[in-house]
Amino acid sequence: MTPTDQQGTATPPPPPKCPIRFGTDGWRGVIADDFTFANVRWAARAVASYLIENENHKNGIAVGYDCRFLSDRFARAAAEEVAAAGIPVQLSSSYSPTPAISYAIRNKQLAGGILITASHNRWQWNGFKFKASFGGSANPEIIRKIEAGLPAAQSENAAPREPLPIDAVDLVEPYLQQIERVVDMKSIAESKLRILADPMYGAARGYFTKLCSRHGIPCEEIHATADPLFGGLHPEPIEPHIRQASEAVVDRKAGVGFLTDGDADRVGAIDRDGSFIDSHKIFSILLRYLVEVRKMRGKVIKSFSATKLVDHLASKYSLTLEETPIGFKYICDKMREGGVLMGGEESGGIGIPTLGGPERDGMLNAFLLAEAMAHYGKSLGELVAELHGEFGPHHYNRLDLELKPGQKERAMKMVSADGLERFAGCRVERREDLDGVKMYLDNGAWLLVRPSGTEPLLRAYVEAGSAETVRQVLSATEQTICNL
């Protein structure tokens, strides 16, 4: 029976307990399960309240979206809620890479931005990111304030306000022009480098060829059609999801392949022989190029799960190196302090604040890699070989474990236990616990075990001197944890 008030008027049921929780990079949920129009509207109201109380909200915000199912509709719903609070809104007129919205915030001096995207998650997921007034990932303090406003945002008692009009604006073209300003596109064109781009059906689709065509750079894209199911791909530019791009690079005789994730803030690469160049090697190649050729200096920031190659390069160039918990928001905080050359994480997110602001940027980093290849006149594989020749081989991989209820907690308890002497068949020489538990093993490898901040997974990361050692440690780790 429907409840009524004292006048006999039917009253709506109270809203359900809020399932919205912001992880390492925003809130994500399964579409039509957790990620609903009601929840998106509540999240947008909480953001509007934060902006009114803490920022110059009259400057307005940007709202963008990726290519997922109903992302444009979710973005419109979020924009309507913010506009109803009296905050001007610039809604992207088309799907937009996350760094394009971040650039718009900085360039237009906006109070912040909302992105409807689940980044690299599979097609079933969508998400809600908030970018702060500096154009980067909101820090934990900002997120706490937004989350604190969620209960009030769920209340229907607030008096509605006359919404401001919502402007549909091209927020992508100014971002593409910014890439053209900071990258030497002419040198890439003169090198005759043939580029194969794989936006993985994500928000960069069409933009690689658009930029390259302006400068006479040979480029073709795969997986660039509209498909909210991502063609069955997992839109994260890491192995094994890059197999089709790898084959296309070889079949089409491209000099390099670049991949970006669902919202184009992460990058992966393929050498001309089809081999995968992971984010650790991309970070290292770019760091070397920026210091040696562009003569850039500053601190280097890396996440807890990133390669030790960066440590060697920072030491060689006498650069200060700092390590952060996993999540680009922590790297962003360091960038905002100033004096940072670049920062990066294991997942393919790399930021260069003087060129792209305190934000990850998959397309910018892809074109900077192409610029480095043009300067050195070498393939990515040859540039990696030079790094390994100087600092020794560094091989890396990650395992994502979907566990039964209780297994993740038992695993973290086990690896965190004092006195743990052996794991994955190896002696544990020392441990670090900045974010998860990292164990340095007697076979020369390090192993990090950590629960995901955005997905119901336990992740295991390994770096070692050989691919076989990485495989062995990951296999033993999987067997150990799955038997708990």
Protein backbone atom coordinates (compact mmCIF):
# COMPACT_ATOMS: atom_id res chain seq x y z
CA MET A 1 0.00 0.00 0.00
CA THR A 2 1.31 3.44 -0.93
CA PRO A 3 1.95 5.65 2.14
CA THR A 4 0.12 8.98 2.40
CA ASP A 5 0.69 12.24 4.26
CA GLN A 6 -1.85 13.90 6.61
CA GLN A 7 -3.77 15.34 3.66
CA GLY A 8 -4.06 11.91 2.07
CA THR A 9 -1.63 12.73 -0.73
CA ALA A 10 0.59 9.88 -1.84
CA THR A 11 4.21 10.38 -0.85
CA PRO A 12 7.13 8.86 -2.73
CA PRO A 13 9.16 6.14 -1.02
CA PRO A 14 12.47 7.29 0.47
CA PRO A 15 15.44 7.00 -1.87
CA PRO A 16 17.50 3.82 -1.55
CA LYS A 17 20.71 3.85 0.39
CA CYS A 18 23.22 5.65 -1.78
CA PRO A 19 25.55 3.22 -3.59
CA ILE A 20 27.76 5.99 -4.94
CA ARG A 21 31.38 5.72 -3.85
CA PHE A 22 34.30 7.43 -5.58
CA GLY A 23 37.35 5.18 -6.02
CA THR A 24 40.81 6.03 -7.36
CA ASP A 25 39.30 7.89 -10.32
CA GLY A 26 35.62 8.62 -9.83
CA TRP A 27 32.49 6.57 -9.31
CA ARG A 28 31.68 3.62 -11.56
CA GLY A 29 28.81 1.19 -11.73
CA VAL A 30 27.12 -1.36 -13.95
CA ILE A 31 24.68 0.34 -16.33
CA ALA A 32 21.04 0.00 -15.22
CA ASP A 33 22.13 -1.63 -11.97
CA ASP A 34 24.19 0.88 -9.97
CA PHE A 35 24.73 3.37 -12.78
CA THR A 36 21.26 4.83 -13.27
CA PHE A 37 19.84 8.21 -14.22
CA ALA A 38 18.74 8.76 -10.63
CA ASN A 39 22.23 8.12 -9.29
CA VAL A 40 23.83 10.30 -11.95
CA ARG A 41 21.48 13.13 -11.04
CA TRP A 42 22.26 12.72 -7.34
CA ALA A 43 25.98 12.76 -8.03
CA ALA A 44 25.60 15.89 -10.17
CA ARG A 45 23.61 17.64 -7.41
CA ALA A 46 26.35 16.81 -4.92
CA VAL A 47 28.93 18.27 -7.30
CA ALA A 48 26.81 21.40 -7.72
CA SER A 49 26.60 21.83 -3.94
CA TYR A 50 30.37 21.42 -3.64
CA LEU A 51 30.96 24.03 -6.35
CA ILE A 52 28.59 26.56 -4.77
CA GLU A 53 30.21 26.16 -1.35
CA ASN A 54 33.87 25.90 -2.39
CA GLU A 55 34.52 27.31 -5.87
CA ASN A 56 33.70 30.32 -8.02
CA HIS A 57 30.73 28.46 -9.45
CA LYS A 58 29.64 31.40 -11.57
CA ASN A 59 32.53 30.51 -13.89
CA GLY A 60 30.56 27.41 -14.82
CA ILE A 61 31.62 23.87 -15.63
CA ALA A 62 32.23 21.66 -18.65
CA VAL A 63 30.41 18.36 -19.09
CA GLY A 64 31.74 15.69 -21.43
CA TYR A 65 31.08 12.06 -22.22
CA ASP A 66 32.58 9.03 -23.94
CA CYS A 67 31.12 6.56 -26.45
CA ARG A 68 29.40 4.18 -24.03
CA PHE A 69 25.74 3.24 -24.03
CA LEU A 70 23.62 6.30 -23.14
CA SER A 71 26.67 8.36 -22.14
CA ASP A 72 25.31 11.39 -24.00
CA ARG A 73 21.97 11.04 -22.20
CA PHE A 74 23.63 10.63 -18.81
CA ALA A 75 25.75 13.71 -19.55
CA ARG A 76 22.63 15.70 -20.42
CA ALA A 77 21.01 14.61 -17.14
CA ALA A 78 24.08 15.68 -15.15
CA ALA A 79 24.18 19.00 -17.00
CA GLU A 80 20.51 19.64 -16.23
CA GLU A 81 21.05 19.13 -12.50
CA VAL A 82 24.04 21.46 -12.38
CA ALA A 83 22.23 24.10 -14.44
CA ALA A 84 19.21 23.81 -12.12
CA ALA A 85 21.50 24.88 -9.27
CA GLY A 86 22.26 28.11 -11.12
CA ILE A 87 25.68 27.07 -12.44
CA PRO A 88 26.49 27.75 -16.12
CA VAL A 89 27.15 24.56 -18.09
CA GLN A 90 29.07 23.97 -21.31
CA LEU A 91 28.00 20.55 -22.59
CA SER A 92 30.26 18.94 -25.16
CA SER A 93 28.60 18.79 -28.57
CA SER A 94 30.16 15.37 -29.25
CA TYR A 95 31.92 12.54 -27.46
CA SER A 96 35.08 13.89 -25.88
CA PRO A 97 38.38 12.52 -24.60
CA THR A 98 38.81 13.20 -20.90
CA PRO A 99 41.93 15.37 -21.48
CA ALA A 100 39.83 17.57 -23.81
CA ILE A 101 37.50 18.41 -20.93
CA SER A 102 40.46 18.97 -18.61
CA TYR A 103 41.96 21.36 -21.15
CA ALA A 104 38.65 23.21 -21.46
CA ILE A 105 38.54 23.71 -17.68
CA ARG A 106 42.03 25.23 -17.64
CA ASN A 107 41.68 27.21 -20.85
CA LYS A 108 38.29 28.70 -19.96
CA GLN A 109 39.07 29.01 -16.21
CA LEU A 110 36.00 27.01 -15.27
CA ALA A 111 35.06 25.85 -11.78
CA GLY A 112 35.39 22.20 -12.75
CA GLY A 113 34.09 19.49 -15.04
CA ILE A 114 32.06 16.30 -15.12
CA LEU A 115 32.92 13.33 -17.35
CA ILE A 116 30.52 10.49 -18.03
CA THR A 117 32.94 7.65 -18.64
CA ALA A 118 34.05 4.35 -17.17
CA SER A 119 37.50 4.84 -18.69
CA HIS A 120 39.03 1.41 -19.40
CA ASN A 121 36.25 -0.71 -17.90
CA ARG A 122 34.26 -3.15 -20.02
CA TRP A 123 31.12 -2.15 -21.90
CA GLN A 124 28.73 -3.03 -19.06
CA TRP A 125 30.14 -0.21 -16.94
CA ASN A 126 29.79 3.53 -16.99
CA GLY A 127 31.16 6.14 -14.64
CA PHE A 128 31.19 9.67 -13.31
CA LYS A 129 34.44 11.61 -13.00
CA PHE A 130 34.83 15.04 -11.49
CA LYS A 131 37.70 17.26 -12.60
CA ALA A 132 38.59 20.12 -10.29
CA SER A 133 39.15 23.77 -11.21
CA PHE A 134 42.81 23.11 -11.99
CA GLY A 135 41.77 20.65 -14.70
CA GLY A 136 43.04 17.51 -13.01
CA SER A 137 41.72 14.63 -10.96
CA ALA A 138 39.94 15.75 -7.82
CA ASN A 139 41.98 15.00 -4.71
CA PRO A 140 40.66 12.96 -1.77
CA GLU A 141 39.67 16.10 0.17
CA ILE A 142 37.45 17.32 -2.68
CA ILE A 143 35.96 13.85 -3.14
CA ARG A 144 35.14 13.64 0.58
CA LYS A 145 33.25 16.93 0.35
CA ILE A 146 31.28 15.74 -2.67
CA GLU A 147 30.44 12.42 -1.03
CA ALA A 148 29.39 14.23 2.15
CA GLY A 149 26.80 16.09 0.07
CA LEU A 150 25.23 12.97 -1.41
CA PRO A 151 22.59 12.38 1.32
CA ALA A 152 21.27 15.93 0.92
CA ALA A 153 21.39 15.54 -2.86
CA GLN A 154 19.00 12.62 -2.58
CA SER A 155 16.41 14.77 -0.79
CA GLU A 156 13.47 15.90 -2.88
CA ASN A 157 12.62 18.74 -0.48
CA ALA A 158 14.89 21.40 -1.92
CA ALA A 159 12.97 24.10 -3.78
CA PRO A 160 13.61 23.82 -7.54
CA ARG A 161 15.40 26.71 -9.21
CA GLU A 162 14.93 28.04 -12.70
CA PRO A 163 17.68 26.27 -14.63
CA LEU A 164 20.15 28.21 -16.70
CA PRO A 165 20.30 27.35 -20.41
CA ILE A 166 22.77 24.63 -21.34
CA ASP A 167 25.21 25.55 -24.09
CA ALA A 168 26.35 22.80 -26.47
CA VAL A 169 29.98 23.62 -27.26
CA ASP A 170 32.77 22.03 -29.31
CA LEU A 171 35.21 21.21 -26.52
CA VAL A 172 37.40 18.87 -28.60
CA GLU A 173 38.75 21.10 -31.38
CA PRO A 174 40.56 23.53 -29.00
CA TYR A 175 42.19 20.49 -27.37
CA LEU A 176 43.39 19.16 -30.74
CA GLN A 177 44.82 22.59 -31.53
CA GLN A 178 46.69 22.54 -28.22
CA ILE A 179 48.32 19.22 -29.17
CA GLU A 180 49.41 20.85 -32.43
CA ARG A 181 51.00 23.72 -30.49
CA VAL A 182 53.11 21.54 -28.19
CA VAL A 183 54.08 18.68 -30.54
CA ASP A 184 56.48 19.04 -33.47
CA MET A 185 54.05 17.67 -36.06
CA LYS A 186 56.32 18.82 -38.89
CA SER A 187 59.16 16.55 -37.81
CA ILE A 188 56.79 13.59 -37.59
CA ALA A 189 55.54 14.29 -41.13
CA GLU A 190 59.09 14.65 -42.46
CA SER A 191 60.07 11.30 -40.93
CA LYS A 192 57.46 9.54 -43.13
CA LEU A 193 56.37 7.55 -40.08
CA ARG A 194 53.23 5.53 -40.81
CA ILE A 195 50.90 5.46 -37.80
CA LEU A 196 48.19 2.94 -37.04
CA ALA A 197 45.85 4.21 -34.34
CA ASP A 198 43.47 2.05 -32.32
CA PRO A 199 41.09 4.12 -30.19
CA MET A 200 39.46 0.83 -29.09
CA TYR A 201 36.01 2.18 -30.03
CA GLY A 202 36.57 4.91 -27.46
CA ALA A 203 36.49 8.69 -27.27
CA ALA A 204 39.60 9.25 -29.43
CA ARG A 205 38.00 7.67 -32.50
CA GLY A 206 38.42 9.82 -35.56
CA TYR A 207 40.70 12.30 -33.85
CA PHE A 208 44.03 10.64 -34.68
CA THR A 209 43.29 10.71 -38.40
CA LYS A 210 41.86 14.22 -38.12
CA LEU A 211 45.08 15.56 -36.61
CA CYS A 212 47.40 13.60 -38.86
CA SER A 213 45.57 14.62 -42.04
CA ARG A 214 46.22 18.28 -41.23
CA HIS A 215 49.97 17.70 -41.33
CA GLY A 216 50.37 15.09 -44.02
CA ILE A 217 51.17 12.29 -41.58
CA PRO A 218 50.15 8.84 -42.91
CA CYS A 219 47.65 7.44 -40.41
CA GLU A 220 44.78 4.99 -40.39
CA GLU A 221 42.51 3.91 -37.57
CA ILE A 222 40.99 0.59 -36.62
CA HIS A 223 38.12 0.07 -34.15
CA ALA A 224 36.96 3.61 -34.86
CA THR A 225 33.25 3.06 -35.49
CA ALA A 226 30.41 3.73 -33.07
CA ASP A 227 29.93 0.61 -30.96
CA PRO A 228 28.89 0.84 -27.29
CA LEU A 229 29.81 -2.84 -26.92
CA PHE A 230 33.40 -2.02 -27.97
CA GLY A 231 33.28 -4.78 -30.57
CA GLY A 232 33.75 -7.28 -27.77
CA LEU A 233 37.08 -5.67 -26.82
CA HIS A 234 38.11 -4.68 -23.32
CA PRO A 235 39.05 -1.02 -23.96
CA GLU A 236 42.27 -1.01 -21.95
CA PRO A 237 45.52 -0.70 -23.95
CA ILE A 238 47.38 -3.56 -22.31
CA GLU A 239 47.91 -7.23 -23.12
CA PRO A 240 45.97 -9.28 -24.12
CA HIS A 241 43.53 -6.65 -25.41
CA ILE A 242 45.99 -5.30 -28.00
CA ARG A 243 46.24 -8.45 -30.17
CA GLN A 244 44.17 -7.12 -33.09
CA ALA A 245 46.12 -3.86 -33.14
CA SER A 246 49.38 -5.81 -33.10
CA GLU A 247 48.31 -7.84 -36.11
CA ALA A 248 47.13 -4.73 -37.95
CA VAL A 249 50.46 -2.95 -37.47
CA VAL A 250 52.30 -5.83 -39.12
CA ASP A 251 49.72 -6.50 -41.85
CA ARG A 252 49.52 -2.84 -42.87
CA LYS A 253 53.27 -2.23 -42.57
CA ALA A 254 52.88 0.64 -40.11
CA GLY A 255 55.93 2.03 -38.36
CA VAL A 256 54.13 2.22 -35.02
CA GLY A 257 50.76 1.57 -33.45
CA PHE A 258 49.14 3.72 -30.76
CA LEU A 259 46.19 2.66 -28.60
CA THR A 260 44.05 4.69 -26.23
CA ASP A 261 41.49 3.49 -23.71
CA GLY A 262 37.77 4.25 -23.53
CA ASP A 263 38.19 7.91 -22.56
CA ALA A 264 41.61 8.40 -24.22
CA ASP A 265 43.60 9.40 -21.15
CA ARG A 266 45.77 6.25 -21.27
CA VAL A 267 48.16 5.12 -23.96
CA GLY A 268 49.70 1.88 -25.17
CA ALA A 269 51.96 1.27 -28.16
CA ILE A 270 52.90 -1.41 -30.70
CA ASP A 271 56.32 -1.67 -32.32
CA ARG A 272 56.57 -2.17 -36.07
CA ASP A 273 57.17 -5.90 -35.56
CA GLY A 274 53.89 -6.24 -33.65
CA SER A 275 55.39 -6.42 -30.15
CA PHE A 276 53.66 -4.57 -27.34
CA ILE A 277 55.35 -1.57 -25.73
CA ASP A 278 53.84 -1.17 -22.28
CA SER A 279 53.29 2.04 -20.34
CA HIS A 280 56.46 1.57 -18.28
CA LYS A 281 58.62 1.65 -21.39
CA ILE A 282 56.59 4.54 -22.82
CA PHE A 283 57.17 6.49 -19.59
CA SER A 284 60.89 5.74 -19.78
CA ILE A 285 61.27 6.64 -23.47
CA LEU A 286 59.43 9.93 -22.98
CA LEU A 287 61.44 10.80 -19.86
CA ARG A 288 64.69 10.23 -21.72
CA TYR A 289 63.52 12.28 -24.70
CA LEU A 290 62.20 15.21 -22.69
CA VAL A 291 65.43 15.50 -20.71
CA GLU A 292 67.99 14.76 -23.42
CA VAL A 293 66.37 16.49 -26.39
CA ARG A 294 63.83 18.99 -25.09
CA LYS A 295 66.14 19.85 -22.17
CA MET A 296 63.29 19.75 -19.67
CA ARG A 297 63.95 19.38 -15.94
CA GLY A 298 61.90 18.79 -12.82
CA LYS A 299 60.74 16.18 -10.36
CA VAL A 300 59.55 12.79 -11.59
CA ILE A 301 56.48 11.28 -9.93
CA LYS A 302 55.48 7.65 -10.31
CA SER A 303 52.86 5.43 -8.75
CA PHE A 304 53.73 2.56 -6.42
CA SER A 305 53.17 0.00 -9.20
CA ALA A 306 55.39 1.61 -11.85
CA THR A 307 58.70 0.33 -13.23
CA LYS A 308 62.12 0.65 -11.64
CA LEU A 309 63.44 1.81 -15.04
CA VAL A 310 62.17 5.27 -14.12
CA ASP A 311 64.27 5.13 -10.93
CA HIS A 312 67.40 4.46 -12.98
CA LEU A 313 66.69 7.31 -15.39
CA ALA A 314 65.94 9.78 -12.61
CA SER A 315 69.21 8.84 -10.96
CA LYS A 316 71.15 9.22 -14.22
CA TYR A 317 69.76 12.70 -14.85
CA SER A 318 69.94 13.75 -11.16
CA LEU A 319 66.18 14.28 -10.97
CA THR A 320 64.20 14.04 -7.75
CA LEU A 321 61.95 10.97 -7.79
CA GLU A 322 58.82 10.63 -5.65
CA GLU A 323 56.45 7.68 -5.34
CA THR A 324 52.71 7.91 -4.64
CA PRO A 325 49.82 5.55 -3.90
CA ILE A 326 48.03 4.23 -6.98
CA GLY A 327 45.58 6.65 -8.58
CA PHE A 328 46.45 9.62 -10.75
CA LYS A 329 44.84 12.01 -8.28
CA TYR A 330 47.89 11.54 -6.04
CA ILE A 331 50.25 12.31 -8.92
CA CYS A 332 48.08 15.30 -9.80
CA ASP A 333 48.47 16.66 -6.26
CA LYS A 334 52.25 16.51 -6.65
CA MET A 335 52.05 18.27 -10.01
CA ARG A 336 50.05 21.09 -8.47
CA GLU A 337 52.88 21.74 -6.02
CA GLY A 338 55.00 22.76 -9.01
CA GLY A 339 58.41 21.81 -10.33
CA VAL A 340 57.29 18.48 -11.82
CA LEU A 341 58.62 17.33 -15.18
CA MET A 342 56.28 14.36 -15.58
CA GLY A 343 54.32 11.78 -13.66
CA GLY A 344 53.02 8.37 -14.61
CA GLU A 345 51.38 5.18 -13.49
CA GLU A 346 51.34 1.53 -14.47
CA SER A 347 47.98 1.71 -16.22
CA GLY A 348 49.16 3.92 -19.08
CA GLY A 349 48.33 7.29 -17.57
CA ILE A 350 51.18 9.77 -18.07
CA GLY A 351 51.05 13.51 -17.49
CA ILE A 352 53.48 16.27 -18.47
CA PRO A 353 52.19 19.40 -16.71
CA THR A 354 54.01 22.02 -18.79
CA LEU A 355 52.66 20.49 -22.01
CA GLY A 356 49.28 19.05 -21.02
CA GLY A 357 48.46 20.24 -17.52
CA PRO A 358 48.14 18.05 -14.41
CA GLU A 359 46.29 15.33 -16.31
CA ARG A 360 46.85 12.08 -18.18
CA ASP A 361 46.66 12.40 -21.94
CA GLY A 362 46.77 9.38 -24.25
CA MET A 363 46.76 11.28 -27.54
CA LEU A 364 49.36 13.84 -26.49
CA ASN A 365 51.70 11.12 -25.30
CA ALA A 366 51.22 9.13 -28.50
CA PHE A 367 52.25 12.09 -30.64
CA LEU A 368 55.19 12.87 -28.34
CA LEU A 369 56.35 9.28 -28.81
CA ALA A 370 56.11 9.77 -32.55
CA GLU A 371 58.15 12.96 -32.19
CA ALA A 372 60.81 11.06 -30.23
CA MET A 373 60.94 8.35 -32.90
CA ALA A 374 61.31 11.01 -35.58
CA HIS A 375 64.17 12.69 -33.71
CA TYR A 376 66.13 9.52 -32.94
CA GLY A 377 65.28 7.90 -36.29
CA LYS A 378 64.56 4.63 -34.49
CA SER A 379 61.66 2.31 -33.85
CA LEU A 380 60.12 1.95 -30.40
CA GLY A 381 61.69 -1.50 -30.13
CA GLU A 382 65.13 -0.04 -30.80
CA LEU A 383 64.59 2.68 -28.19
CA VAL A 384 63.56 0.06 -25.62
CA ALA A 385 66.62 -2.03 -26.49
CA GLU A 386 68.84 0.97 -25.77
CA LEU A 387 67.26 1.38 -22.33
CA HIS A 388 67.66 -2.32 -21.54
CA GLY A 389 71.24 -2.24 -22.77
CA GLU A 390 72.07 0.55 -20.34
CA PHE A 391 70.01 -0.46 -17.30
CA GLY A 392 69.33 -4.16 -17.79
CA PRO A 393 66.11 -5.82 -18.96
CA HIS A 394 62.88 -4.91 -17.19
CA HIS A 395 59.85 -7.10 -17.91
CA TYR A 396 56.44 -6.46 -16.41
CA ASN A 397 52.94 -7.87 -16.30
CA ARG A 398 49.76 -7.67 -14.24
CA LEU A 399 47.18 -10.24 -13.24
CA ASP A 400 43.58 -9.32 -12.33
CA LEU A 401 41.89 -11.90 -10.10
CA GLU A 402 38.12 -12.15 -9.73
CA LEU A 403 37.79 -13.98 -6.43
CA LYS A 404 35.07 -15.62 -4.38
CA PRO A 405 33.63 -13.73 -1.40
CA GLY A 406 36.21 -13.51 1.37
CA GLN A 407 39.22 -14.53 -0.72
CA LYS A 408 40.39 -10.96 -1.36
CA GLU A 409 40.31 -10.18 2.36
CA ARG A 410 42.14 -13.40 3.24
CA ALA A 411 44.77 -12.70 0.60
CA MET A 412 45.47 -9.18 1.87
CA LYS A 413 45.61 -10.43 5.44
CA MET A 414 48.13 -13.09 4.44
CA VAL A 415 50.50 -10.79 2.51
CA SER A 416 50.26 -8.15 5.24
CA ALA A 417 51.13 -10.55 8.05
CA ASP A 418 54.29 -9.82 10.01
CA GLY A 419 56.88 -12.52 9.60
CA LEU A 420 55.81 -13.64 6.11
CA GLU A 421 59.04 -15.18 4.85
CA ARG A 422 58.02 -16.90 1.60
CA PHE A 423 55.46 -16.19 -1.10
CA ALA A 424 54.88 -17.52 -4.62
CA GLY A 425 57.69 -20.03 -4.07
CA CYS A 426 60.28 -17.34 -3.27
CA ARG A 427 61.91 -15.90 -0.20
CA VAL A 428 60.63 -12.43 0.71
CA GLU A 429 63.65 -10.19 1.27
CA ARG A 430 61.72 -7.03 2.22
CA ARG A 431 58.30 -5.43 1.93
CA GLU A 432 56.74 -2.01 1.37
CA ASP A 433 53.13 -1.07 2.06
CA LEU A 434 52.52 2.37 0.54
CA ASP A 435 49.46 1.01 -1.30
CA GLY A 436 48.84 -2.70 -1.02
CA VAL A 437 51.87 -4.87 -0.21
CA LYS A 438 54.98 -4.96 -2.39
CA MET A 439 57.37 -7.86 -1.81
CA TYR A 440 60.93 -7.97 -3.09
CA LEU A 441 61.73 -11.62 -3.85
CA ASP A 442 65.03 -13.48 -3.88
CA ASN A 443 64.76 -14.20 -7.63
CA GLY A 444 65.19 -10.47 -8.37
CA ALA A 445 61.50 -9.76 -8.95
CA TRP A 446 59.16 -7.51 -7.05
CA LEU A 447 55.51 -8.41 -6.58
CA LEU A 448 52.73 -6.01 -5.57
CA VAL A 449 49.39 -7.35 -4.33
CA ARG A 450 46.61 -4.78 -4.09
CA PRO A 451 42.80 -4.60 -4.23
CA SER A 452 41.50 -2.49 -7.13
CA GLY A 453 40.10 0.91 -6.25
CA THR A 454 37.61 0.92 -9.15
CA GLU A 455 36.64 -2.72 -9.75
CA PRO A 456 35.88 -5.82 -7.61
CA LEU A 457 39.29 -7.31 -8.31
CA LEU A 458 42.56 -8.18 -6.63
CA ARG A 459 45.54 -7.15 -8.74
CA ALA A 460 49.02 -8.66 -8.76
CA TYR A 461 51.85 -6.71 -10.45
CA VAL A 462 55.29 -8.16 -11.16
CA GLU A 463 58.53 -6.78 -12.59
CA ALA A 464 61.62 -8.92 -13.14
CA GLY A 465 64.68 -9.32 -15.33
CA SER A 466 63.01 -11.85 -17.63
CA ALA A 467 59.53 -12.46 -19.01
CA GLU A 468 59.73 -16.07 -17.80
CA THR A 469 60.35 -14.99 -14.21
CA VAL A 470 57.36 -12.64 -14.41
CA ARG A 471 55.20 -15.48 -15.72
CA GLN A 472 56.34 -17.87 -12.99
CA VAL A 473 55.71 -15.41 -10.17
CA LEU A 474 52.27 -14.46 -11.47
CA SER A 475 51.32 -18.11 -11.93
CA ALA A 476 52.42 -19.01 -8.41
CA THR A 477 50.64 -15.95 -7.00
CA GLU A 478 47.38 -16.91 -8.71
CA GLN A 479 47.61 -20.47 -7.43
CA THR A 480 48.39 -19.35 -3.88
CA ILE A 481 45.60 -16.77 -3.64
CA CYS A 482 42.90 -18.76 -5.42
CA ASN A 483 43.44 -21.68 -3.02
CA LEU A 484 42.79 -19.55 0.07
